């Protein structure tokens, strides 16, 4: 039976309607996660090489996108990771040549972190060579499927970016890395 939104708003008060929408979103999300994992998350983890874990990749990207050096605390806060865990992760990044520790010129007690040229090269090679594994999925889609998929992904990206901005404004998340271009480009 098809019920339009006007009829729903008469039958259910606003709060119940919002709950219904939230339930639908949760159901869609839980139904989508297995396919997302199969087509994107699992291949992504397989593509990581040179001993780089998913957390290491995330930290490399955070440092690169910040455009400036970051303290261990800033990086830990941004990654929502305990400082002890971040300390071990940074040791692995430094040992692998993906990050370097620098003294803060204003306070010698503070150690700042910066992504290295090797980190930049790793990410560039990853996008060029390794991320090609995703092409298998995209090549199976025709134009009528690819365009809405790109738009949906852009919407998800922009929604996460807006949520990140709200959390920064509320003091729940540090301001680094700075925002990137809105939505990116699907090509």
N, C-alpha and C. Protein backbone atom coordinates (compact mmCIF):
# COMPACT_ATOMS: atom_id res chain seq x y z
N UNK A 1 0.85 -1.18 0.00
CA UNK A 1 0.00 0.00 0.00
C UNK A 1 0.89 1.24 0.00
N UNK A 2 0.64 2.17 -0.89
CA UNK A 2 1.42 3.40 -0.97
C UNK A 2 0.74 4.48 -0.15
N UNK A 3 1.51 5.10 0.74
CA UNK A 3 0.99 6.17 1.59
C UNK A 3 1.86 7.39 1.35
N UNK A 4 1.25 8.53 1.02
CA UNK A 4 2.06 9.72 0.77
C UNK A 4 2.45 10.42 2.06
N UNK A 5 3.41 11.35 1.97
CA UNK A 5 3.92 12.05 3.15
C UNK A 5 2.86 12.90 3.84
N UNK A 6 1.93 13.50 3.08
CA UNK A 6 0.88 14.32 3.69
C UNK A 6 0.01 13.46 4.61
N UNK A 7 -0.35 12.29 4.14
CA UNK A 7 -1.16 11.39 4.95
C UNK A 7 -0.37 10.93 6.18
N UNK A 8 0.91 10.64 6.00
CA UNK A 8 1.75 10.24 7.14
C UNK A 8 1.80 11.32 8.20
N UNK A 9 1.93 12.58 7.78
CA UNK A 9 2.03 13.66 8.75
C UNK A 9 0.73 13.84 9.53
N UNK A 10 -0.42 13.47 8.93
CA UNK A 10 -1.69 13.54 9.66
C UNK A 10 -1.83 12.38 10.63
N UNK A 11 -1.34 11.22 10.22
CA UNK A 11 -1.47 10.03 11.06
C UNK A 11 -0.47 10.05 12.21
N UNK A 12 0.78 10.43 11.91
CA UNK A 12 1.84 10.40 12.91
C UNK A 12 2.31 11.81 13.24
N UNK A 13 2.45 12.13 14.52
CA UNK A 13 3.04 13.43 14.88
C UNK A 13 4.47 13.50 14.35
N UNK A 14 5.02 14.72 14.35
CA UNK A 14 6.35 14.98 13.80
C UNK A 14 7.43 14.07 14.40
N UNK A 15 7.41 13.88 15.71
CA UNK A 15 8.44 13.09 16.36
C UNK A 15 8.42 11.65 15.85
N UNK A 16 7.23 11.08 15.72
CA UNK A 16 7.14 9.70 15.23
C UNK A 16 7.57 9.61 13.78
N UNK A 17 7.27 10.63 12.98
CA UNK A 17 7.70 10.65 11.59
C UNK A 17 9.22 10.68 11.51
N UNK A 18 9.86 11.49 12.36
CA UNK A 18 11.32 11.56 12.39
C UNK A 18 11.90 10.21 12.80
N UNK A 19 11.26 9.54 13.76
CA UNK A 19 11.71 8.22 14.19
C UNK A 19 11.59 7.23 13.05
N UNK A 20 10.50 7.32 12.29
CA UNK A 20 10.34 6.43 11.15
C UNK A 20 11.45 6.66 10.13
N UNK A 21 11.79 7.93 9.88
CA UNK A 21 12.85 8.24 8.94
C UNK A 21 14.19 7.73 9.47
N UNK A 22 14.44 7.92 10.77
CA UNK A 22 15.68 7.43 11.38
C UNK A 22 15.76 5.92 11.26
N UNK A 23 14.66 5.24 11.51
CA UNK A 23 14.64 3.78 11.38
C UNK A 23 14.94 3.35 9.96
N UNK A 24 14.39 4.06 8.98
CA UNK A 24 14.65 3.73 7.58
C UNK A 24 16.12 3.95 7.25
N UNK A 25 16.69 5.04 7.75
CA UNK A 25 18.11 5.33 7.52
C UNK A 25 18.97 4.22 8.13
N UNK A 26 18.65 3.84 9.36
CA UNK A 26 19.41 2.77 10.02
C UNK A 26 19.31 1.47 9.23
N UNK A 27 18.11 1.16 8.78
CA UNK A 27 17.91 -0.07 8.01
C UNK A 27 18.70 -0.02 6.71
N UNK A 28 18.65 1.11 6.01
CA UNK A 28 19.43 1.25 4.77
C UNK A 28 20.92 1.13 5.04
N UNK A 29 21.37 1.78 6.09
CA UNK A 29 22.80 1.74 6.44
C UNK A 29 23.23 0.31 6.74
N UNK A 30 22.47 -0.38 7.58
CA UNK A 30 22.83 -1.75 7.95
C UNK A 30 22.74 -2.70 6.76
N UNK A 31 21.87 -2.40 5.82
CA UNK A 31 21.75 -3.21 4.61
C UNK A 31 22.88 -2.91 3.63
N UNK A 32 23.41 -1.69 3.66
CA UNK A 32 24.45 -1.26 2.73
C UNK A 32 25.85 -1.65 3.18
N UNK A 33 26.08 -1.72 4.48
CA UNK A 33 27.43 -1.96 5.01
C UNK A 33 28.08 -3.22 4.44
N UNK A 34 27.40 -4.37 4.35
CA UNK A 34 28.08 -5.54 3.79
C UNK A 34 28.57 -5.33 2.35
N UNK A 35 27.75 -4.71 1.51
CA UNK A 35 28.18 -4.45 0.13
C UNK A 35 29.33 -3.45 0.10
N UNK A 36 29.23 -2.41 0.94
CA UNK A 36 30.31 -1.41 1.02
C UNK A 36 31.60 -2.10 1.44
N UNK A 37 31.51 -2.97 2.42
CA UNK A 37 32.70 -3.68 2.90
C UNK A 37 33.29 -4.54 1.78
N UNK A 38 32.42 -5.26 1.06
CA UNK A 38 32.88 -6.15 -0.01
C UNK A 38 33.56 -5.37 -1.14
N UNK A 39 32.92 -4.29 -1.61
CA UNK A 39 33.42 -3.57 -2.77
C UNK A 39 34.46 -2.51 -2.46
N UNK A 40 34.47 -1.96 -1.25
CA UNK A 40 35.37 -0.83 -0.97
C UNK A 40 36.29 -1.04 0.23
N UNK A 41 35.75 -1.38 1.40
CA UNK A 41 36.59 -1.46 2.60
C UNK A 41 37.61 -2.60 2.51
N UNK A 42 37.15 -3.78 2.16
CA UNK A 42 38.07 -4.92 2.09
C UNK A 42 39.16 -4.72 1.03
N UNK A 43 38.82 -4.29 -0.20
CA UNK A 43 39.88 -4.02 -1.18
C UNK A 43 40.83 -2.92 -0.71
N UNK A 44 40.29 -1.91 -0.03
CA UNK A 44 41.13 -0.82 0.46
C UNK A 44 42.19 -1.36 1.41
N UNK A 45 41.77 -2.20 2.34
CA UNK A 45 42.73 -2.77 3.30
C UNK A 45 43.76 -3.63 2.59
N UNK A 46 43.35 -4.37 1.55
CA UNK A 46 44.29 -5.20 0.78
C UNK A 46 45.30 -4.35 0.03
N UNK A 47 44.87 -3.16 -0.41
CA UNK A 47 45.75 -2.30 -1.21
C UNK A 47 46.85 -1.64 -0.40
N UNK A 48 46.63 -1.48 0.90
CA UNK A 48 47.65 -0.86 1.73
C UNK A 48 48.89 -1.75 1.71
N UNK A 49 50.05 -1.12 1.52
CA UNK A 49 51.29 -1.90 1.48
C UNK A 49 52.38 -1.15 2.24
N UNK A 50 53.60 -1.63 2.16
CA UNK A 50 54.74 -1.05 2.88
C UNK A 50 54.50 -1.05 4.38
N UNK A 51 53.74 -2.02 4.89
CA UNK A 51 53.50 -2.10 6.33
C UNK A 51 52.58 -1.02 6.86
N UNK A 52 51.82 -0.37 5.99
CA UNK A 52 50.92 0.71 6.40
C UNK A 52 49.57 0.12 6.78
N UNK A 53 49.16 0.36 8.02
CA UNK A 53 47.84 -0.08 8.48
C UNK A 53 46.80 0.97 8.12
N UNK A 54 45.55 0.63 8.32
CA UNK A 54 44.47 1.58 8.06
C UNK A 54 44.62 2.83 8.93
N UNK A 55 44.96 2.64 10.22
CA UNK A 55 45.16 3.79 11.11
C UNK A 55 46.35 4.64 10.67
N UNK A 56 47.41 3.99 10.20
CA UNK A 56 48.57 4.74 9.71
C UNK A 56 48.18 5.57 8.49
N UNK A 57 47.44 4.96 7.56
CA UNK A 57 46.99 5.68 6.37
C UNK A 57 46.17 6.91 6.77
N UNK A 58 45.26 6.71 7.71
CA UNK A 58 44.40 7.80 8.18
C UNK A 58 45.25 8.94 8.75
N UNK A 59 46.25 8.60 9.54
CA UNK A 59 47.12 9.64 10.14
C UNK A 59 47.97 10.34 9.09
N UNK A 60 48.48 9.58 8.12
CA UNK A 60 49.25 10.19 7.03
C UNK A 60 48.38 11.22 6.31
N UNK A 61 47.16 10.81 5.96
CA UNK A 61 46.26 11.73 5.26
C UNK A 61 45.91 12.93 6.13
N UNK A 62 45.71 12.74 7.41
CA UNK A 62 45.39 13.86 8.31
C UNK A 62 46.54 14.86 8.35
N UNK A 63 47.76 14.35 8.46
CA UNK A 63 48.93 15.26 8.50
C UNK A 63 49.09 15.98 7.16
N UNK A 64 48.92 15.27 6.06
CA UNK A 64 49.07 15.89 4.74
C UNK A 64 48.02 16.97 4.52
N UNK A 65 46.77 16.67 4.88
CA UNK A 65 45.68 17.61 4.65
C UNK A 65 45.73 18.82 5.56
N UNK A 66 46.36 18.67 6.72
CA UNK A 66 46.40 19.79 7.66
C UNK A 66 47.19 20.96 7.09
N UNK A 67 48.17 20.68 6.25
CA UNK A 67 48.96 21.75 5.65
C UNK A 67 49.95 22.37 6.62
N UNK A 68 50.03 21.84 7.82
CA UNK A 68 51.00 22.35 8.80
C UNK A 68 51.38 21.20 9.72
N UNK A 69 52.32 21.45 10.60
CA UNK A 69 52.69 20.41 11.56
C UNK A 69 51.59 20.24 12.59
N UNK A 70 51.56 19.08 13.20
CA UNK A 70 50.54 18.78 14.21
C UNK A 70 51.23 18.21 15.44
N UNK A 71 50.69 18.50 16.60
CA UNK A 71 51.21 17.86 17.81
C UNK A 71 50.60 16.47 17.91
N UNK A 72 51.20 15.64 18.74
CA UNK A 72 50.68 14.30 18.97
C UNK A 72 49.25 14.39 19.51
N UNK A 73 49.00 15.34 20.39
CA UNK A 73 47.67 15.52 20.98
C UNK A 73 46.65 15.90 19.90
N UNK A 74 47.02 16.83 19.01
CA UNK A 74 46.11 17.22 17.93
C UNK A 74 45.77 16.02 17.05
N UNK A 75 46.78 15.26 16.69
CA UNK A 75 46.55 14.10 15.83
C UNK A 75 45.71 13.05 16.56
N UNK A 76 46.00 12.81 17.83
CA UNK A 76 45.23 11.84 18.62
C UNK A 76 43.78 12.29 18.76
N UNK A 77 43.57 13.57 19.02
CA UNK A 77 42.20 14.09 19.14
C UNK A 77 41.46 13.97 17.82
N UNK A 78 42.13 14.32 16.74
CA UNK A 78 41.47 14.26 15.44
C UNK A 78 41.12 12.82 15.08
N UNK A 79 42.01 11.90 15.39
CA UNK A 79 41.78 10.48 15.07
C UNK A 79 40.90 9.80 16.11
N UNK A 80 40.58 10.53 17.19
CA UNK A 80 39.79 9.97 18.29
C UNK A 80 40.43 8.70 18.82
N UNK A 81 41.70 8.85 19.14
CA UNK A 81 42.50 7.72 19.58
C UNK A 81 43.22 8.11 20.87
N UNK A 82 43.36 7.21 21.83
CA UNK A 82 44.11 7.54 23.04
C UNK A 82 45.56 7.91 22.70
N UNK A 83 46.14 8.82 23.48
CA UNK A 83 47.50 9.29 23.20
C UNK A 83 48.51 8.14 23.21
N UNK A 84 48.33 7.17 24.13
CA UNK A 84 49.27 6.05 24.18
C UNK A 84 49.25 5.26 22.88
N UNK A 85 48.07 5.03 22.35
CA UNK A 85 47.94 4.31 21.08
C UNK A 85 48.51 5.15 19.95
N UNK A 86 48.26 6.46 19.97
CA UNK A 86 48.78 7.34 18.93
C UNK A 86 50.30 7.38 18.99
N UNK A 87 50.86 7.36 20.17
CA UNK A 87 52.31 7.38 20.33
C UNK A 87 52.95 6.18 19.62
N UNK A 88 52.37 5.00 19.81
CA UNK A 88 52.88 3.80 19.14
C UNK A 88 52.72 3.90 17.63
N UNK A 89 51.59 4.44 17.20
CA UNK A 89 51.33 4.60 15.78
C UNK A 89 52.31 5.58 15.14
N UNK A 90 52.57 6.68 15.83
CA UNK A 90 53.52 7.68 15.32
C UNK A 90 54.92 7.08 15.25
N UNK A 91 55.29 6.27 16.24
CA UNK A 91 56.59 5.58 16.19
C UNK A 91 56.70 4.75 14.92
N UNK A 92 55.64 4.04 14.57
CA UNK A 92 55.64 3.23 13.34
C UNK A 92 55.72 4.12 12.09
N UNK A 93 55.03 5.26 12.11
CA UNK A 93 55.10 6.19 10.98
C UNK A 93 56.51 6.75 10.82
N UNK A 94 57.12 7.12 11.92
CA UNK A 94 58.48 7.67 11.89
C UNK A 94 59.47 6.59 11.44
N UNK A 95 59.36 5.39 12.02
CA UNK A 95 60.25 4.28 11.65
C UNK A 95 60.10 3.92 10.17
N UNK A 96 58.89 4.04 9.63
CA UNK A 96 58.65 3.74 8.22
C UNK A 96 59.02 4.89 7.29
N UNK A 97 59.40 6.03 7.85
CA UNK A 97 59.78 7.18 7.03
C UNK A 97 58.61 8.01 6.53
N UNK A 98 57.40 7.77 7.07
CA UNK A 98 56.21 8.50 6.61
C UNK A 98 55.96 9.79 7.38
N UNK A 99 56.61 9.95 8.53
CA UNK A 99 56.44 11.15 9.35
C UNK A 99 57.77 11.48 10.01
N UNK A 100 57.90 12.74 10.37
CA UNK A 100 59.09 13.15 11.12
C UNK A 100 58.66 14.00 12.30
N UNK A 101 59.46 13.91 13.35
CA UNK A 101 59.23 14.71 14.55
C UNK A 101 60.07 15.97 14.45
N UNK A 102 59.45 17.08 14.80
CA UNK A 102 60.14 18.38 14.78
C UNK A 102 59.95 19.07 16.12
N UNK A 103 60.95 19.82 16.54
CA UNK A 103 60.81 20.61 17.76
C UNK A 103 60.01 21.85 17.46
N UNK A 104 59.15 22.23 18.39
CA UNK A 104 58.36 23.45 18.26
C UNK A 104 59.27 24.63 18.58
N UNK A 105 59.43 25.59 17.68
CA UNK A 105 60.33 26.72 17.94
C UNK A 105 59.87 27.59 19.11
N UNK A 106 58.57 27.57 19.42
CA UNK A 106 58.05 28.39 20.51
C UNK A 106 58.09 27.69 21.87
N UNK A 107 58.15 26.38 21.86
CA UNK A 107 58.15 25.62 23.11
C UNK A 107 58.91 24.31 22.88
N UNK A 108 60.11 24.24 23.41
CA UNK A 108 60.96 23.08 23.16
C UNK A 108 60.39 21.78 23.72
N UNK A 109 59.44 21.88 24.64
CA UNK A 109 58.83 20.68 25.21
C UNK A 109 57.85 20.03 24.23
N UNK A 110 57.38 20.77 23.27
CA UNK A 110 56.36 20.28 22.33
C UNK A 110 57.04 19.69 21.10
N UNK A 111 56.62 18.49 20.74
CA UNK A 111 57.11 17.84 19.52
C UNK A 111 55.98 17.90 18.50
N UNK A 112 56.32 18.37 17.32
CA UNK A 112 55.33 18.47 16.25
C UNK A 112 55.62 17.39 15.21
N UNK A 113 54.60 17.01 14.48
CA UNK A 113 54.72 15.95 13.48
C UNK A 113 54.41 16.51 12.10
N UNK A 114 55.12 15.96 11.12
CA UNK A 114 54.89 16.39 9.74
C UNK A 114 55.03 15.18 8.83
N UNK A 115 54.15 15.09 7.85
CA UNK A 115 54.26 14.03 6.84
C UNK A 115 55.50 14.30 5.99
N UNK A 116 56.17 13.25 5.59
CA UNK A 116 57.39 13.38 4.80
C UNK A 116 57.09 13.28 3.30
N UNK A 117 58.13 13.49 2.51
CA UNK A 117 58.01 13.31 1.06
C UNK A 117 57.64 11.86 0.74
N UNK A 118 58.16 10.91 1.54
CA UNK A 118 57.82 9.50 1.33
C UNK A 118 56.32 9.28 1.52
N UNK A 119 55.73 9.96 2.48
CA UNK A 119 54.28 9.86 2.69
C UNK A 119 53.52 10.38 1.48
N UNK A 120 53.97 11.52 0.94
CA UNK A 120 53.34 12.08 -0.26
C UNK A 120 53.46 11.12 -1.44
N UNK A 121 54.64 10.53 -1.60
CA UNK A 121 54.87 9.58 -2.69
C UNK A 121 54.00 8.34 -2.52
N UNK A 122 53.89 7.87 -1.28
CA UNK A 122 53.07 6.69 -1.00
C UNK A 122 51.61 6.95 -1.39
N UNK A 123 51.08 8.09 -0.99
CA UNK A 123 49.68 8.41 -1.28
C UNK A 123 49.48 8.58 -2.79
N UNK A 124 50.42 9.26 -3.46
CA UNK A 124 50.30 9.44 -4.91
C UNK A 124 50.31 8.09 -5.63
N UNK A 125 51.23 7.21 -5.23
CA UNK A 125 51.30 5.88 -5.85
C UNK A 125 50.04 5.07 -5.53
N UNK A 126 49.55 5.23 -4.33
CA UNK A 126 48.34 4.52 -3.92
C UNK A 126 47.16 4.91 -4.80
N UNK A 127 46.99 6.22 -5.00
CA UNK A 127 45.87 6.68 -5.84
C UNK A 127 46.04 6.25 -7.29
N UNK A 128 47.26 6.31 -7.78
CA UNK A 128 47.49 6.01 -9.19
C UNK A 128 47.42 4.52 -9.48
N UNK A 129 48.12 3.73 -8.68
CA UNK A 129 48.24 2.31 -8.98
C UNK A 129 47.24 1.46 -8.21
N UNK A 130 47.25 1.58 -6.90
CA UNK A 130 46.50 0.65 -6.07
C UNK A 130 44.99 0.89 -6.09
N UNK A 131 44.57 2.13 -6.11
CA UNK A 131 43.13 2.41 -6.08
C UNK A 131 42.45 1.99 -7.38
N UNK A 132 43.24 1.58 -8.37
CA UNK A 132 42.68 1.10 -9.62
C UNK A 132 41.82 -0.14 -9.40
N UNK A 133 42.02 -0.82 -8.28
CA UNK A 133 41.22 -2.01 -7.98
C UNK A 133 39.73 -1.67 -7.91
N UNK A 134 39.41 -0.43 -7.58
CA UNK A 134 38.01 -0.01 -7.52
C UNK A 134 37.39 0.06 -8.91
N UNK A 135 38.22 0.17 -9.91
CA UNK A 135 37.69 0.31 -11.28
C UNK A 135 36.82 -0.88 -11.66
N UNK A 136 37.12 -2.06 -11.13
CA UNK A 136 36.32 -3.24 -11.43
C UNK A 136 34.85 -3.00 -11.11
N UNK A 137 34.61 -2.38 -9.96
CA UNK A 137 33.23 -2.08 -9.58
C UNK A 137 32.63 -1.03 -10.51
N UNK A 138 33.37 0.06 -10.72
CA UNK A 138 32.83 1.17 -11.51
C UNK A 138 32.63 0.80 -12.97
N UNK A 139 33.47 -0.08 -13.50
CA UNK A 139 33.33 -0.49 -14.89
C UNK A 139 32.09 -1.35 -15.11
N UNK A 140 31.56 -1.92 -14.05
CA UNK A 140 30.34 -2.72 -14.16
C UNK A 140 29.08 -1.86 -14.20
N UNK A 141 29.22 -0.59 -13.85
CA UNK A 141 28.06 0.31 -13.84
C UNK A 141 27.96 1.04 -15.17
N UNK A 142 26.74 1.21 -15.67
CA UNK A 142 26.58 2.04 -16.85
C UNK A 142 26.37 3.49 -16.40
N UNK A 143 26.36 4.41 -17.33
CA UNK A 143 26.28 5.84 -17.01
C UNK A 143 25.05 6.17 -16.16
N UNK A 144 23.92 5.52 -16.44
CA UNK A 144 22.70 5.78 -15.68
C UNK A 144 22.83 5.34 -14.22
N UNK A 145 23.73 4.40 -13.94
CA UNK A 145 23.97 3.97 -12.56
C UNK A 145 25.12 4.74 -11.91
N UNK A 146 26.12 5.08 -12.71
CA UNK A 146 27.31 5.74 -12.18
C UNK A 146 27.03 7.16 -11.70
N UNK A 147 26.26 7.92 -12.46
CA UNK A 147 25.96 9.31 -12.07
C UNK A 147 25.23 9.39 -10.73
N UNK A 148 24.15 8.62 -10.52
CA UNK A 148 23.48 8.69 -9.21
C UNK A 148 24.38 8.17 -8.07
N UNK A 149 25.22 7.17 -8.37
CA UNK A 149 26.14 6.67 -7.35
C UNK A 149 27.11 7.77 -6.93
N UNK A 150 27.64 8.48 -7.91
CA UNK A 150 28.55 9.60 -7.64
C UNK A 150 27.85 10.68 -6.82
N UNK A 151 26.63 11.01 -7.20
CA UNK A 151 25.87 12.03 -6.46
C UNK A 151 25.59 11.58 -5.03
N UNK A 152 25.24 10.31 -4.86
CA UNK A 152 24.98 9.79 -3.51
C UNK A 152 26.25 9.84 -2.66
N UNK A 153 27.37 9.47 -3.25
CA UNK A 153 28.64 9.50 -2.53
C UNK A 153 29.02 10.93 -2.18
N UNK A 154 28.77 11.87 -3.11
CA UNK A 154 29.05 13.28 -2.84
C UNK A 154 28.18 13.78 -1.69
N UNK A 155 26.91 13.36 -1.67
CA UNK A 155 26.01 13.76 -0.58
C UNK A 155 26.50 13.22 0.76
N UNK A 156 26.91 11.96 0.79
CA UNK A 156 27.44 11.37 2.02
C UNK A 156 28.69 12.13 2.46
N UNK A 157 29.59 12.39 1.53
CA UNK A 157 30.82 13.14 1.83
C UNK A 157 30.49 14.51 2.42
N UNK A 158 29.60 15.23 1.77
CA UNK A 158 29.25 16.58 2.23
C UNK A 158 28.54 16.55 3.58
N UNK A 159 27.72 15.52 3.81
CA UNK A 159 27.05 15.38 5.10
C UNK A 159 28.07 15.17 6.21
N UNK A 160 29.04 14.29 5.98
CA UNK A 160 30.10 14.07 6.97
C UNK A 160 30.90 15.35 7.19
N UNK A 161 31.17 16.09 6.13
CA UNK A 161 31.93 17.33 6.25
C UNK A 161 31.17 18.36 7.07
N UNK A 162 29.86 18.47 6.85
CA UNK A 162 29.04 19.40 7.64
C UNK A 162 28.99 18.98 9.11
N UNK A 163 28.89 17.68 9.35
CA UNK A 163 28.89 17.19 10.73
C UNK A 163 30.23 17.50 11.40
N UNK A 164 31.32 17.32 10.66
CA UNK A 164 32.65 17.64 11.19
C UNK A 164 32.72 19.11 11.57
N UNK A 165 32.18 19.99 10.73
CA UNK A 165 32.19 21.43 11.02
C UNK A 165 31.37 21.75 12.27
N UNK A 166 30.21 21.08 12.42
CA UNK A 166 29.40 21.29 13.63
C UNK A 166 30.16 20.85 14.87
N UNK A 167 30.84 19.72 14.79
CA UNK A 167 31.58 19.21 15.94
C UNK A 167 32.74 20.13 16.29
N UNK A 168 33.38 20.72 15.29
CA UNK A 168 34.45 21.69 15.54
C UNK A 168 33.87 22.91 16.24
N UNK A 169 32.74 23.41 15.74
CA UNK A 169 32.10 24.58 16.34
C UNK A 169 31.68 24.32 17.79
N UNK A 170 31.31 23.08 18.09
CA UNK A 170 30.90 22.71 19.45
C UNK A 170 32.09 22.35 20.34
N UNK A 171 33.30 22.38 19.77
CA UNK A 171 34.49 22.03 20.54
C UNK A 171 34.66 20.54 20.76
N UNK A 172 33.96 19.72 19.99
CA UNK A 172 34.05 18.27 20.15
C UNK A 172 35.11 17.64 19.27
N UNK A 173 35.69 18.45 18.36
CA UNK A 173 36.69 17.94 17.43
C UNK A 173 37.65 19.08 17.12
N UNK A 174 38.95 18.78 17.01
CA UNK A 174 39.89 19.85 16.66
C UNK A 174 39.70 20.30 15.22
N UNK A 175 40.21 21.47 14.92
CA UNK A 175 39.96 22.08 13.61
C UNK A 175 40.88 21.56 12.51
N UNK A 176 41.75 20.64 12.78
CA UNK A 176 42.61 20.13 11.73
C UNK A 176 42.18 18.72 11.37
N UNK A 177 42.34 18.30 10.14
CA UNK A 177 42.83 19.09 9.04
C UNK A 177 41.76 20.05 8.53
N UNK A 178 42.19 21.08 7.83
CA UNK A 178 41.23 22.07 7.34
C UNK A 178 40.32 21.47 6.29
N UNK A 179 39.17 22.09 6.07
CA UNK A 179 38.24 21.56 5.08
C UNK A 179 38.86 21.55 3.69
N UNK A 180 38.47 20.54 2.92
CA UNK A 180 38.91 20.46 1.53
C UNK A 180 37.79 20.96 0.64
N UNK A 181 38.05 20.92 -0.67
CA UNK A 181 37.01 21.34 -1.60
C UNK A 181 35.75 20.53 -1.35
N UNK A 182 34.63 21.20 -1.41
CA UNK A 182 33.35 20.59 -1.11
C UNK A 182 33.00 19.53 -2.16
N UNK A 183 32.84 18.31 -1.68
CA UNK A 183 32.32 17.26 -2.54
C UNK A 183 33.30 16.61 -3.50
N UNK A 184 34.44 17.17 -3.71
CA UNK A 184 35.37 16.57 -4.66
C UNK A 184 34.78 16.50 -6.04
N UNK A 185 35.34 15.65 -6.88
CA UNK A 185 34.84 15.49 -8.24
C UNK A 185 34.75 14.02 -8.57
N UNK A 186 33.70 13.64 -9.22
CA UNK A 186 33.58 12.28 -9.73
C UNK A 186 33.99 12.31 -11.19
N UNK A 187 34.88 11.42 -11.54
CA UNK A 187 35.36 11.41 -12.92
C UNK A 187 35.26 10.03 -13.51
